[in-house]
Protein backbone atom coordinates (compact mmCIF):
# COMPACT_ATOMS: atom_id res chain seq x y z
CA UNK A 1 0.00 0.00 0.00
CA UNK A 2 1.40 3.37 -0.91
CA UNK A 3 1.21 6.28 1.47
CA UNK A 4 1.55 10.02 1.21
CA UNK A 5 3.24 12.07 3.97
CA UNK A 6 2.19 9.71 6.70
CA UNK A 7 -1.52 9.79 5.88
CA UNK A 8 -3.74 6.92 4.92
CA UNK A 9 -4.66 7.07 1.27
CA UNK A 10 -8.31 7.68 0.64
CA UNK A 11 -9.78 5.17 -1.80
CA UNK A 12 -12.74 6.92 -3.38
CA UNK A 13 -15.59 4.86 -4.77
CA UNK A 14 -15.93 4.79 -8.50
CA UNK A 15 -17.91 7.85 -9.47
CA UNK A 16 -20.77 7.51 -11.97
CA UNK A 17 -20.30 9.25 -15.29
CA UNK A 18 -21.01 12.94 -15.16
CA UNK A 19 -24.49 13.82 -16.32
CA UNK A 20 -24.93 15.71 -19.51
CA UNK A 21 -24.47 19.41 -19.15
CA UNK A 22 -27.71 21.26 -18.62
CA UNK A 23 -26.50 24.06 -20.87
CA UNK A 24 -28.20 23.83 -24.24
CA UNK A 25 -26.23 23.99 -27.47
CA UNK A 26 -27.64 27.20 -28.95
CA UNK A 27 -25.01 27.83 -31.62
CA UNK A 28 -27.39 27.15 -34.52
CA UNK A 29 -30.21 29.36 -33.22
CA UNK A 30 -28.89 32.62 -34.80
CA UNK A 31 -28.40 30.89 -38.16
CA UNK A 32 -31.89 29.34 -38.14
CA UNK A 33 -33.59 32.60 -37.14
CA UNK A 34 -31.61 34.63 -39.66
CA UNK A 35 -32.39 32.22 -42.52
CA UNK A 36 -36.06 32.24 -41.55
CA UNK A 37 -36.26 36.03 -41.29
CA UNK A 38 -34.35 36.60 -44.54
CA UNK A 39 -36.69 34.25 -46.41
CA UNK A 40 -39.77 35.98 -44.99
CA UNK A 41 -38.49 39.42 -45.99
CA UNK A 42 -37.62 38.34 -49.53
CA UNK A 43 -41.01 36.66 -50.09
CA UNK A 44 -43.28 39.28 -48.52
CA UNK A 45 -41.42 42.51 -49.32
CA UNK A 46 -40.34 41.63 -52.86
CA UNK A 47 -37.26 40.34 -54.57
CA UNK A 48 -35.56 43.75 -54.70
CA UNK A 49 -35.80 44.07 -50.94
CA UNK A 50 -34.46 40.55 -50.64
CA UNK A 51 -31.39 41.42 -52.69
CA UNK A 52 -30.82 44.57 -50.62
CA UNK A 53 -31.03 42.48 -47.45
CA UNK A 54 -28.54 39.99 -48.92
CA UNK A 55 -26.14 42.85 -49.68
CA UNK A 56 -26.46 44.18 -46.12
CA UNK A 57 -25.82 40.74 -44.64
CA UNK A 58 -22.77 40.05 -46.80
CA UNK A 59 -21.42 43.52 -46.02
CA UNK A 60 -21.84 42.93 -42.29
CA UNK A 61 -20.08 39.58 -42.57
CA UNK A 62 -17.16 41.17 -44.41
CA UNK A 63 -16.91 43.95 -41.82
CA UNK A 64 -16.81 41.41 -38.99
CA UNK A 65 -14.17 39.39 -40.82
CA UNK A 66 -11.94 42.46 -41.34
CA UNK A 67 -12.39 43.48 -37.71
CA UNK A 68 -11.48 39.97 -36.60
CA UNK A 69 -8.29 39.99 -38.68
CA UNK A 70 -7.20 43.33 -37.24
CA UNK A 71 -8.21 42.98 -33.60
CA UNK A 72 -8.70 39.24 -33.19
CA UNK A 73 -5.38 38.71 -31.41
CA UNK A 74 -6.58 40.86 -28.49
CA UNK A 75 -9.56 38.62 -27.82
CA UNK A 76 -9.83 35.20 -26.25
CA UNK A 77 -10.53 32.01 -28.15
CA UNK A 78 -14.26 31.83 -27.12
CA UNK A 79 -14.78 35.40 -28.34
CA UNK A 80 -13.16 34.63 -31.69
CA UNK A 81 -15.31 31.51 -32.07
CA UNK A 82 -18.40 33.59 -31.32
CA UNK A 83 -17.48 36.08 -34.05
CA UNK A 84 -16.79 33.28 -36.53
CA UNK A 85 -20.20 31.82 -35.69
CA UNK A 86 -21.83 35.18 -36.40
CA UNK A 87 -20.00 35.42 -39.72
CA UNK A 88 -21.17 31.93 -40.70
CA UNK A 89 -24.77 32.78 -39.77
CA UNK A 90 -24.63 35.99 -41.83
CA UNK A 91 -23.26 34.16 -44.86
CA UNK A 92 -25.97 31.50 -44.56
CA UNK A 93 -28.63 34.19 -44.25
CA UNK A 94 -27.21 35.87 -47.36
CA UNK A 95 -27.63 32.67 -49.34
CA UNK A 96 -31.22 32.20 -48.16
CA UNK A 97 -32.14 35.83 -48.91
CA UNK A 98 -30.67 35.53 -52.41
CA UNK A 99 -32.42 32.23 -53.12
CA UNK A 100 -35.78 33.52 -51.87
CA UNK A 101 -35.39 36.72 -53.91
CA UNK A 102 -34.69 34.68 -57.03
CA UNK A 103 -37.80 32.55 -56.46
CA UNK A 104 -39.93 35.62 -55.78
CA UNK A 105 -38.68 37.28 -58.97
CA UNK A 106 -39.67 34.20 -60.99
CA UNK A 107 -43.14 34.27 -59.45
CA UNK A 108 -43.55 38.00 -60.12
CA UNK A 109 -42.51 37.65 -63.77
CA UNK A 110 -44.52 34.49 -64.40
CA UNK A 111 -46.29 34.63 -67.80
CA UNK A 112 -49.64 33.55 -66.34
CA UNK A 113 -49.83 36.90 -64.56
CA UNK A 114 -49.77 38.75 -67.87
CA UNK A 115 -53.01 37.19 -69.09
CA UNK A 116 -56.04 39.49 -69.40
CA UNK A 117 -58.77 39.43 -66.78
CA UNK A 118 -61.36 36.65 -67.06
CA UNK A 119 -59.30 34.84 -69.67
CA UNK A 120 -60.16 31.16 -70.02
CA UNK A 121 -57.10 28.95 -70.34
CA UNK A 122 -56.53 25.24 -70.63
CA UNK A 123 -54.34 24.16 -67.72
CA UNK A 124 -52.14 21.12 -67.19
CA UNK A 125 -51.21 20.67 -63.53
CA UNK A 126 -50.21 18.00 -60.99
CA UNK A 127 -51.96 18.09 -57.56
CA UNK A 128 -49.52 18.03 -54.62
CA UNK A 129 -52.05 17.55 -51.82
CA UNK A 130 -55.48 16.10 -51.18
CA UNK A 131 -58.44 18.36 -52.03
CA UNK A 132 -59.59 20.35 -49.01
CA UNK A 133 -63.32 21.12 -48.66
CA UNK A 134 -64.39 24.73 -48.27
CA UNK A 135 -67.04 25.30 -45.62
CA UNK A 136 -70.32 27.09 -46.28
CA UNK A 137 -69.55 27.77 -49.95
CA UNK A 138 -70.70 26.06 -53.09
CA UNK A 139 -71.18 26.35 -56.82
CA UNK A 140 -74.95 25.96 -56.81
CA UNK A 141 -75.54 22.52 -55.30
CA UNK A 142 -71.91 21.43 -55.71
CA UNK A 143 -69.36 21.31 -52.93
CA UNK A 144 -66.34 23.56 -53.30
CA UNK A 145 -62.74 22.37 -53.01
CA UNK A 146 -59.27 23.88 -52.72
CA UNK A 147 -56.43 22.00 -54.38
CA UNK A 148 -52.74 22.87 -54.30
CA UNK A 149 -50.91 21.89 -57.49
CA UNK A 150 -47.75 22.36 -59.54
CA UNK A 151 -48.36 24.03 -62.90
CA UNK A 152 -46.93 22.19 -65.90
CA UNK A 153 -48.21 24.27 -68.81
CA UNK A 154 -51.19 26.25 -70.05
CA UNK A 155 -52.68 27.05 -73.46
CA UNK A 156 -54.28 30.35 -74.40
CA UNK A 157 -55.17 31.82 -77.79
CA UNK A 158 -53.42 29.03 -79.65
CA UNK A 159 -50.19 29.46 -77.69
CA UNK A 160 -48.65 26.74 -75.54
CA UNK A 161 -46.66 28.04 -72.60
CA UNK A 162 -44.60 25.66 -70.47
CA UNK A 163 -44.03 27.29 -67.10
CA UNK A 164 -43.80 25.81 -63.63
CA UNK A 165 -44.87 27.22 -60.30
CA UNK A 166 -47.31 26.57 -57.49
CA UNK A 167 -51.00 27.29 -58.11
CA UNK A 168 -54.16 27.11 -56.02
CA UNK A 169 -57.23 25.62 -57.71
CA UNK A 170 -60.76 26.59 -56.65
CA UNK A 171 -63.21 24.05 -58.00
CA UNK A 172 -66.62 22.54 -57.41
CA UNK A 173 -68.00 19.05 -57.91
CA UNK A 174 -67.45 15.54 -56.63
CA UNK A 175 -64.93 14.89 -59.42
CA UNK A 176 -62.49 17.22 -57.70
CA UNK A 177 -62.98 15.75 -54.23
CA UNK A 178 -61.83 12.28 -55.29
CA UNK A 179 -58.50 13.29 -56.84
CA UNK A 180 -55.26 11.58 -55.83
CA UNK A 181 -52.11 13.72 -55.65
CA UNK A 182 -49.45 13.08 -58.26
CA UNK A 183 -51.56 12.63 -61.39
CA UNK A 184 -51.53 14.94 -64.41
CA UNK A 185 -54.80 16.88 -64.85
CA UNK A 186 -56.25 18.92 -67.70
CA UNK A 187 -59.04 21.42 -67.11
CA UNK A 188 -60.36 24.85 -68.08
CA UNK A 189 -59.87 27.69 -65.60
CA UNK A 190 -59.75 31.45 -65.20
CA UNK A 191 -56.50 32.70 -63.59
CA UNK A 192 -56.52 35.33 -60.85
CA UNK A 193 -53.75 37.00 -58.88
CA UNK A 194 -53.25 35.52 -55.39
CA UNK A 195 -54.09 37.61 -52.35
CA UNK A 196 -51.19 36.31 -50.25
CA UNK A 197 -47.41 36.38 -50.69
CA UNK A 198 -46.43 32.71 -50.47
CA UNK A 199 -44.77 32.04 -53.85
CA UNK A 200 -48.14 31.11 -55.43
CA UNK A 201 -48.12 32.22 -59.05
CA UNK A 202 -51.90 32.26 -59.56
CA UNK A 203 -55.30 31.19 -58.27
CA UNK A 204 -57.12 29.13 -60.90
CA UNK A 205 -60.91 29.14 -60.81
CA UNK A 206 -61.85 25.89 -62.55
CA UNK A 207 -65.06 25.91 -64.59
CA UNK A 208 -65.07 22.29 -65.78
CA UNK A 209 -64.37 18.83 -64.34
CA UNK A 210 -60.76 17.63 -64.64
CA UNK A 211 -59.51 15.01 -67.07
CA UNK A 212 -56.88 12.67 -65.65
CA UNK A 213 -54.17 12.25 -68.29
CA UNK A 214 -51.57 10.39 -66.22
CA UNK A 215 -51.97 8.26 -63.12
CA UNK A 216 -50.18 9.17 -59.89
CA UNK A 217 -46.90 7.43 -59.01
CA UNK A 218 -47.03 3.98 -57.46
CA UNK A 219 -46.52 5.13 -53.88
CA UNK A 220 -49.47 7.49 -54.12
CA UNK A 221 -51.61 4.75 -55.63
CA UNK A 222 -50.50 2.38 -52.86
CA UNK A 223 -51.39 4.91 -50.14
CA UNK A 224 -54.89 5.57 -51.45
CA UNK A 225 -56.38 2.11 -50.58
CA UNK A 226 -54.87 2.35 -47.10
CA UNK A 227 -56.53 5.70 -46.45
CA UNK A 228 -59.83 4.63 -47.97
CA UNK A 229 -59.90 1.31 -46.07
CA UNK A 230 -59.32 3.06 -42.74
CA UNK A 231 -62.16 5.49 -43.43
CA UNK A 232 -64.56 2.72 -44.41
CA UNK A 233 -63.65 0.59 -41.39
CA UNK A 234 -64.18 3.56 -39.08
CA UNK A 235 -67.61 4.24 -40.58
CA UNK A 236 -68.69 0.63 -40.02
CA UNK A 237 -67.55 0.49 -36.40
CA UNK A 238 -67.75 4.03 -35.01
CA UNK A 239 -70.37 6.76 -34.95
CA UNK A 240 -70.52 9.56 -37.48
CA UNK A 241 -68.47 12.13 -35.57
CA UNK A 242 -65.93 9.60 -34.30
CA UNK A 243 -65.55 8.09 -37.77
CA UNK A 244 -64.69 11.54 -39.13
CA UNK A 245 -62.25 12.37 -36.32
CA UNK A 246 -60.21 9.16 -36.47
CA UNK A 247 -58.74 9.63 -40.01
CA UNK A 248 -58.05 13.27 -39.16
CA UNK A 249 -56.04 12.34 -36.06
CA UNK A 250 -54.14 9.50 -37.72
CA UNK A 251 -53.62 10.64 -41.32
CA UNK A 252 -54.75 14.27 -41.44
CA UNK A 253 -57.78 13.40 -43.60
CA UNK A 254 -60.36 16.02 -42.57
CA UNK A 255 -62.89 15.32 -45.32
CA UNK A 256 -65.18 13.44 -42.90
CA UNK A 257 -65.31 16.11 -40.19
CA UNK A 258 -68.68 17.73 -39.64
CA UNK A 259 -69.02 21.48 -39.25
CA UNK A 260 -70.05 21.14 -35.58
CA UNK A 261 -66.93 19.14 -34.75
CA UNK A 262 -64.75 21.65 -36.58
CA UNK A 263 -66.28 24.51 -34.58
CA UNK A 264 -65.89 22.69 -31.26
CA UNK A 265 -62.26 21.81 -31.94
CA UNK A 266 -61.45 25.37 -33.02
CA UNK A 267 -63.09 26.89 -29.93
CA UNK A 268 -61.47 24.40 -27.55
CA UNK A 269 -58.01 24.85 -29.07
CA UNK A 270 -57.86 21.27 -30.34
CA UNK A 271 -57.75 21.98 -34.08
CA UNK A 272 -54.05 21.11 -34.17
CA UNK A 273 -55.03 17.47 -33.59
CA UNK A 274 -56.81 17.31 -36.96
CA UNK A 275 -53.71 17.86 -39.07
CA UNK A 276 -50.59 15.78 -39.52
CA UNK A 277 -48.22 17.29 -36.98
CA UNK A 278 -45.09 16.37 -35.13
CA UNK A 279 -47.26 14.89 -32.37
CA UNK A 280 -48.49 12.16 -34.74
CA UNK A 281 -44.97 11.24 -35.73
CA UNK A 282 -43.82 11.35 -32.10
CA UNK A 283 -46.52 8.93 -30.97
CA UNK A 284 -45.94 6.51 -33.84
CA UNK A 285 -42.16 6.46 -33.45
CA UNK A 286 -42.40 6.16 -29.66
CA UNK A 287 -44.68 3.12 -29.99
CA UNK A 288 -42.37 1.52 -32.57
CA UNK A 289 -39.26 2.07 -30.45
CA UNK A 290 -41.02 0.80 -27.33
CA UNK A 291 -41.94 -2.40 -29.19
CA UNK A 292 -38.36 -2.78 -30.42
CA UNK A 293 -37.02 -2.41 -26.90
CA UNK A 294 -39.55 -4.92 -25.59
CA UNK A 295 -38.27 -7.38 -28.22
CA UNK A 296 -34.67 -6.60 -27.08
CA UNK A 297 -33.58 -5.67 -30.58
CA UNK A 298 -30.12 -4.16 -30.99
CA UNK A 299 -29.84 -0.38 -31.43
CA UNK A 300 -29.13 -0.70 -35.16
CA UNK A 301 -32.29 -2.74 -35.71
CA UNK A 302 -34.31 -0.28 -33.61
CA UNK A 303 -33.07 2.66 -35.68
CA UNK A 304 -33.79 0.84 -38.96
CA UNK A 305 -37.28 -0.13 -37.82
CA UNK A 306 -38.06 3.42 -36.73
CA UNK A 307 -36.81 4.79 -40.06
CA UNK A 308 -38.97 2.31 -41.98
CA UNK A 309 -42.02 3.20 -39.87
CA UNK A 310 -41.39 6.90 -40.50
CA UNK A 311 -41.09 6.30 -44.25
CA UNK A 312 -44.35 4.33 -44.35
CA UNK A 313 -46.13 7.01 -42.33
CA UNK A 314 -44.96 9.75 -44.71
CA UNK A 315 -46.10 7.76 -47.76
CA UNK A 316 -49.53 6.97 -46.31
CA UNK A 317 -50.11 10.49 -44.98
CA UNK A 318 -48.90 12.05 -48.30
CA UNK A 319 -45.29 13.22 -48.83
CA UNK A 320 -46.21 16.88 -49.16
CA UNK A 321 -44.21 19.66 -47.46
CA UNK A 322 -46.51 19.79 -44.41
CA UNK A 323 -46.13 16.05 -43.74
CA UNK A 324 -42.37 16.18 -44.26
CA UNK A 325 -42.26 19.13 -41.87
CA UNK A 326 -44.19 17.08 -39.32
CA UNK A 327 -41.80 14.16 -39.81
CA UNK A 328 -38.81 16.41 -39.15
CA UNK A 329 -40.39 18.01 -36.07
CA UNK A 330 -41.58 14.65 -34.73
CA UNK A 331 -38.14 13.12 -35.13
CA UNK A 332 -36.64 15.97 -33.13
CA UNK A 333 -39.28 15.51 -30.44
CA UNK A 334 -38.53 11.79 -30.17
CA UNK A 335 -34.85 12.63 -29.82
CA UNK A 336 -35.66 14.96 -26.93
CA UNK A 337 -38.11 12.66 -25.14
CA UNK A 338 -36.53 9.22 -25.51
CA UNK A 339 -32.87 10.12 -25.06
CA UNK A 340 -33.36 12.98 -22.62
CA UNK A 341 -30.66 14.90 -24.48
CA UNK A 342 -32.12 18.33 -24.92
CA UNK A 343 -28.62 19.56 -25.75
CA UNK A 344 -28.70 17.59 -29.00
CA UNK A 345 -32.42 18.18 -29.64
CA UNK A 346 -32.09 21.96 -29.97
CA UNK A 347 -29.44 21.95 -32.73
CA UNK A 348 -31.41 19.16 -34.41
CA UNK A 349 -34.49 21.42 -34.44
CA UNK A 350 -32.48 24.32 -35.87
CA UNK A 351 -30.96 22.05 -38.51
CA UNK A 352 -34.42 20.78 -39.45
CA UNK A 353 -35.66 24.37 -39.86
CA UNK A 354 -32.74 25.30 -42.10
CA UNK A 355 -33.11 22.17 -44.23
CA UNK A 356 -36.88 22.55 -44.66
CA UNK A 357 -36.58 26.21 -45.61
CA UNK A 358 -33.89 25.35 -48.15
CA UNK A 359 -36.17 22.77 -49.78
CA UNK A 360 -39.48 24.68 -49.51
CA UNK A 361 -38.97 28.44 -48.96
CA UNK A 362 -42.75 28.96 -48.91
CA UNK A 363 -42.79 27.30 -45.46
CA UNK A 364 -41.26 30.50 -44.07
CA UNK A 365 -44.63 32.27 -44.35
CA UNK A 366 -46.71 29.20 -43.41
CA UNK A 367 -48.61 29.52 -40.13
CA UNK A 368 -48.55 25.76 -39.69
CA UNK A 369 -44.77 25.68 -40.00
CA UNK A 370 -44.35 28.47 -37.45
CA UNK A 371 -46.73 26.83 -34.97
CA UNK A 372 -44.98 23.48 -35.37
CA UNK A 373 -41.51 24.93 -34.80
CA UNK A 374 -42.63 27.02 -31.83
CA UNK A 375 -44.43 24.09 -30.19
CA UNK A 376 -41.39 21.84 -30.62
CA UNK A 377 -39.11 24.53 -29.21
CA UNK A 378 -41.44 24.91 -26.23
CA UNK A 379 -41.26 21.16 -25.62
CA UNK A 380 -37.46 21.30 -25.60
CA UNK A 381 -36.82 24.59 -23.79
CA UNK A 382 -39.80 25.43 -21.59
CA UNK A 383 -41.72 22.29 -20.71
CA UNK A 384 -38.95 20.49 -18.74
CA UNK A 385 -38.46 23.44 -16.39
CA UNK A 386 -42.18 23.89 -15.82
CA UNK A 387 -42.60 20.17 -15.19
CA UNK A 388 -39.80 20.24 -12.61
CA UNK A 389 -41.43 23.21 -10.88
CA UNK A 390 -44.77 21.42 -10.66
CA UNK A 391 -43.11 18.29 -9.31
CA UNK A 392 -41.31 20.31 -6.67
CA UNK A 393 -44.74 21.48 -5.50
CA UNK A 394 -45.95 17.92 -4.97
CA UNK A 395 -47.32 17.01 -8.40
CA UNK A 396 -46.84 13.52 -9.72
CA UNK A 397 -44.67 13.05 -12.78
CA UNK A 398 -47.34 12.17 -15.38
CA UNK A 399 -49.79 15.05 -14.66
CA UNK A 400 -46.89 17.46 -14.23
CA UNK A 401 -45.45 16.63 -17.66
CA UNK A 402 -48.83 16.69 -19.41
CA UNK A 403 -49.74 20.06 -17.89
CA UNK A 404 -46.30 21.53 -18.56
CA UNK A 405 -46.31 20.46 -22.22
CA UNK A 406 -49.82 21.80 -22.83
CA UNK A 407 -49.16 25.09 -21.03
CA UNK A 408 -45.79 25.64 -22.72
CA UNK A 409 -47.17 24.97 -26.21
CA UNK A 410 -50.11 27.30 -25.55
CA UNK A 411 -47.96 30.11 -24.14
CA UNK A 412 -45.47 30.01 -27.01
CA UNK A 413 -48.00 29.77 -29.84
CA UNK A 414 -50.72 32.05 -28.41
CA UNK A 415 -49.24 35.34 -29.72
CA UNK A 416 -49.07 33.98 -33.26
CA UNK A 417 -52.61 32.58 -33.08
CA UNK A 418 -53.91 35.92 -31.80
CA UNK A 419 -52.08 37.83 -34.53
CA UNK A 420 -53.48 35.61 -37.30
CA UNK A 421 -57.02 34.80 -36.13
CA UNK A 422 -57.80 37.57 -33.64
CA UNK A 423 -59.12 34.92 -31.23
CA UNK A 424 -57.68 33.36 -28.10
CA UNK A 425 -59.03 30.16 -26.58
CA UNK A 426 -59.10 30.42 -22.79
CA UNK A 427 -59.90 26.73 -22.39
CA UNK A 428 -57.12 25.40 -24.64
CA UNK A 429 -54.83 24.31 -21.79
CA UNK A 430 -57.68 22.59 -19.94
CA UNK A 431 -58.94 20.83 -23.07
CA UNK A 432 -55.47 19.66 -24.12
CA UNK A 433 -54.68 18.37 -20.63
CA UNK A 434 -57.95 16.43 -20.52
CA UNK A 435 -57.50 14.79 -23.92
CA UNK A 436 -53.75 14.18 -23.72
CA UNK A 437 -54.08 10.71 -22.09
CA UNK A 438 -56.26 9.37 -24.95
CA UNK A 439 -54.52 10.84 -28.01
CA UNK A 440 -51.73 8.27 -27.98
CA UNK A 441 -54.19 5.37 -27.73
CA UNK A 442 -56.29 6.69 -30.63
CA UNK A 443 -53.24 7.30 -32.82
CA UNK A 444 -51.64 3.91 -32.16
CA UNK A 445 -54.89 1.95 -32.65
CA UNK A 446 -55.69 3.95 -35.79
CA UNK A 447 -52.21 3.46 -37.24
CA UNK A 448 -52.35 -0.29 -36.60
CA UNK A 449 -55.80 -0.48 -38.16
CA UNK A 450 -54.62 1.50 -41.20
CA UNK A 451 -51.75 -0.92 -41.83
CA UNK A 452 -54.03 -3.98 -42.03
CA UNK A 453 -57.46 -2.62 -43.07
CA UNK A 454 -56.59 -2.69 -46.79
CA UNK A 455 -55.72 -6.42 -46.56
CA UNK A 456 -58.17 -7.72 -43.94
CA UNK A 457 -61.02 -5.59 -42.63
CA UNK A 458 -62.07 -7.76 -39.66
CA UNK A 459 -58.92 -7.33 -37.51
CA UNK A 460 -58.90 -3.63 -38.29
CA UNK A 461 -62.48 -3.29 -37.07
CA UNK A 462 -61.59 -5.22 -33.90
CA UNK A 463 -58.73 -2.78 -33.30
CA UNK A 464 -61.01 0.22 -33.81
CA UNK A 465 -63.66 -0.92 -31.34
CA UNK A 466 -61.51 -0.12 -28.27
CA UNK A 467 -60.85 3.32 -29.79
CA UNK A 468 -64.54 4.20 -29.48
CA UNK A 469 -64.20 5.13 -25.80
CA UNK A 470 -61.17 7.46 -26.23
CA UNK A 471 -62.85 9.07 -29.24
CA UNK A 472 -66.04 9.58 -27.24
CA UNK A 473 -64.01 11.25 -24.49
CA UNK A 474 -62.25 13.49 -27.03
CA UNK A 475 -65.52 14.62 -28.58
CA UNK A 476 -67.13 15.18 -25.17
CA UNK A 477 -64.23 17.30 -23.96
CA UNK A 478 -64.26 19.36 -27.16
CA UNK A 479 -68.02 19.92 -26.97
CA UNK A 480 -68.24 20.77 -23.27
CA UNK A 481 -65.16 23.00 -23.11
CA UNK A 482 -66.32 24.85 -26.22
CA UNK A 483 -69.68 25.50 -24.52
CA UNK A 484 -68.11 27.06 -21.42
CA UNK A 485 -68.87 30.78 -20.96
CA UNK A 486 -66.01 32.90 -22.25
CA UNK A 487 -64.27 29.96 -23.93
CA UNK A 488 -62.76 32.30 -26.51
CA UNK A 489 -61.87 35.97 -26.48
CA UNK A 490 -62.01 38.06 -29.64
CA UNK A 491 -59.29 40.70 -29.95
CA UNK A 492 -58.04 42.84 -32.83
CA UNK A 493 -55.73 40.75 -34.97
CA UNK A 494 -52.52 41.87 -36.60
CA UNK A 495 -48.81 42.06 -35.94
CA UNK A 496 -49.11 44.69 -33.19
CA UNK A 497 -51.54 42.58 -31.20
CA UNK A 498 -49.26 39.56 -31.56
CA UNK A 499 -46.23 41.53 -30.37
CA UNK A 500 -48.13 42.91 -27.38
CA UNK A 501 -49.38 39.42 -26.50
CA UNK A 502 -45.86 38.03 -26.69
CA UNK A 503 -44.56 40.85 -24.49
CA UNK A 504 -47.32 40.29 -21.93
CA UNK A 505 -46.66 36.54 -21.78
CA UNK A 506 -42.91 37.06 -21.53
CA UNK A 507 -43.35 39.60 -18.74
CA UNK A 508 -45.66 37.25 -16.85
CA UNK A 509 -43.21 34.35 -17.13
CA UNK A 510 -40.28 36.50 -16.02
CA UNK A 511 -42.29 37.84 -13.10
CA UNK A 512 -43.28 34.36 -11.95
CA UNK A 513 -39.69 33.20 -12.26
CA UNK A 514 -38.39 36.14 -10.23
CA UNK A 515 -41.05 35.49 -7.56
CA UNK A 516 -40.03 31.81 -7.38
CA UNK A 517 -36.34 32.77 -7.04
CA UNK A 518 -37.13 35.18 -4.20
CA UNK A 519 -39.17 32.53 -2.39
CA UNK A 520 -36.35 30.00 -2.70
CA UNK A 521 -33.79 32.50 -1.42
CA UNK A 522 -35.96 33.35 1.58
CA UNK A 523 -36.46 29.66 2.33
CA UNK A 524 -32.70 29.04 2.25
CA UNK A 525 -31.96 32.08 4.39
CA UNK A 526 -34.58 31.29 7.05
CA UNK A 527 -32.56 28.67 9.05
CA UNK A 528 -29.53 30.97 9.24
CA UNK A 529 -31.65 33.79 10.62
CA UNK A 530 -32.91 31.81 13.65
CA UNK A 531 -31.15 32.84 16.92
CA UNK A 532 -28.94 30.27 18.61
CA UNK A 533 -28.94 27.93 15.66
CA UNK A 534 -25.94 28.35 13.35
CA UNK A 535 -26.34 27.41 9.73
CA UNK A 536 -25.38 23.82 8.92
CA UNK A 537 -21.89 23.24 7.61
CA UNK A 538 -21.38 21.03 4.60
CA UNK A 539 -18.89 18.30 5.35
CA UNK A 540 -16.16 17.50 2.89
CA UNK A 541 -16.25 13.75 2.41
CA UNK A 542 -13.01 13.60 0.45
CA UNK A 543 -10.58 15.41 2.76
CA UNK A 544 -7.66 13.50 4.29
CA UNK A 545 -7.85 12.72 7.99
CA UNK A 546 -4.99 11.86 10.33
CA UNK A 547 -5.37 8.29 11.63
CA UNK A 548 -4.79 7.32 15.29
CA UNK A 549 -1.12 7.09 16.35
CA UNK A 550 -1.23 3.31 16.74
CA UNK A 551 -2.33 2.82 13.15
CA UNK A 552 -0.12 5.43 11.55
CA UNK A 553 2.29 4.16 8.90
CA UNK A 554 5.59 5.89 8.57
CA UNK A 555 6.93 5.98 5.03
CA UNK A 556 10.22 4.20 4.43
CA UNK A 557 13.20 6.47 3.90
């Protein structure tokens, strides 16, 4: 045994590995925000403004680079890394501003915008999403639909013009409601200028049924029977309202929703459940990974199975930009929840935002994209702290996490909802907390039924029968919370209202945090303030102690 200066050596027990640092990796946040903001400016303010912004950003990056070369030696390494990070973010923002300006210029100069008013053109286009029904509007006795499509070409006055771009089709008739995305259509329409700035080249008002010239690709044709079989199985087993809600929750198919259910969900703040969102992907991937772990599969097999499940979900739910956005957000959420590594989840979220904006710049001005990103950021940044606070006050883990997630998502997205709709649901947190325990069961049972309903209807119907009770609870919560007095508050919409709402929420959160810090400081200072009772001293377990003289070992000379 070795000794040191006549003292017994202290053999410390093997320490567990240090936990992951609680500090979040926020290095990609400036780049993601700058790319997002630059894309928004270029799309909404025009391509000239976008190019001016790109010039300002590249000039700022060059100025920082010159300053770093001249004065960088007087600064520490972390400061130089910070400046280099800012330069990289500015250069990335320059590229996004330039790309968005180029796309906006192509939309502005599109030849379809030069056509005379009320001109009738023959259009060839490919739908990119399922037709969406328009409420309370019709062409006579026909139902009206909105279809997003990619323009291939159009013919007017004997001229054939091949020009791409995104168009919005307004049409009426059952022929439009049964379209499958991916097929080539031919129809007559009257082009109009769009009212929004989202890289849409024109709004086409169709005045004739479409002719399908080419069938959709095989994956779209394979997904259609799956979606149709789930809807038919739900109608045979469930009631009318529940049969319309189930495909909406699982696949984002809202064609079966009644107007009453739509109103109740909107008032109760549950409308986000009826679209394909990151929550759907999170639930599906969590169930798949839980099954893989129960089967004791190796990590490689678990990752491959989860990737296959994600691919199948995207194909069945339609591989449009909104579904791919949900897949990206849901994957980030699973990374945060299952691994507990929020440090890696935040840069993954920022990377997903940058990648999605590079592929589809129009997402920058999409309300759904903004709500999805904000809700995912709230889950990563805000919800864990709020859950820990509730648990410190005696809450159990499950209700604390459910309440914290619902409250964080509501607080972060409320200013944007108020700015866009001019309405604020005061029962949204309550409704989401009440329905949170049943959403996972409905999604998992619906996804399992969708995978087998196209091949064998009986097992799918047996799987959907247990989902009747959770669906009944969801509909009851939506109806009763929507009927509460003062369920929604109507306020003036607009950017100013949204900014004021965000400032009010931020001030409230900071005030509550400061109050909690003061209470904790008073609680820690209270024992020291009591007379005759000194504050407790923390003992150092690792200090060396002199052993008794009879056991002391003298080192050999």
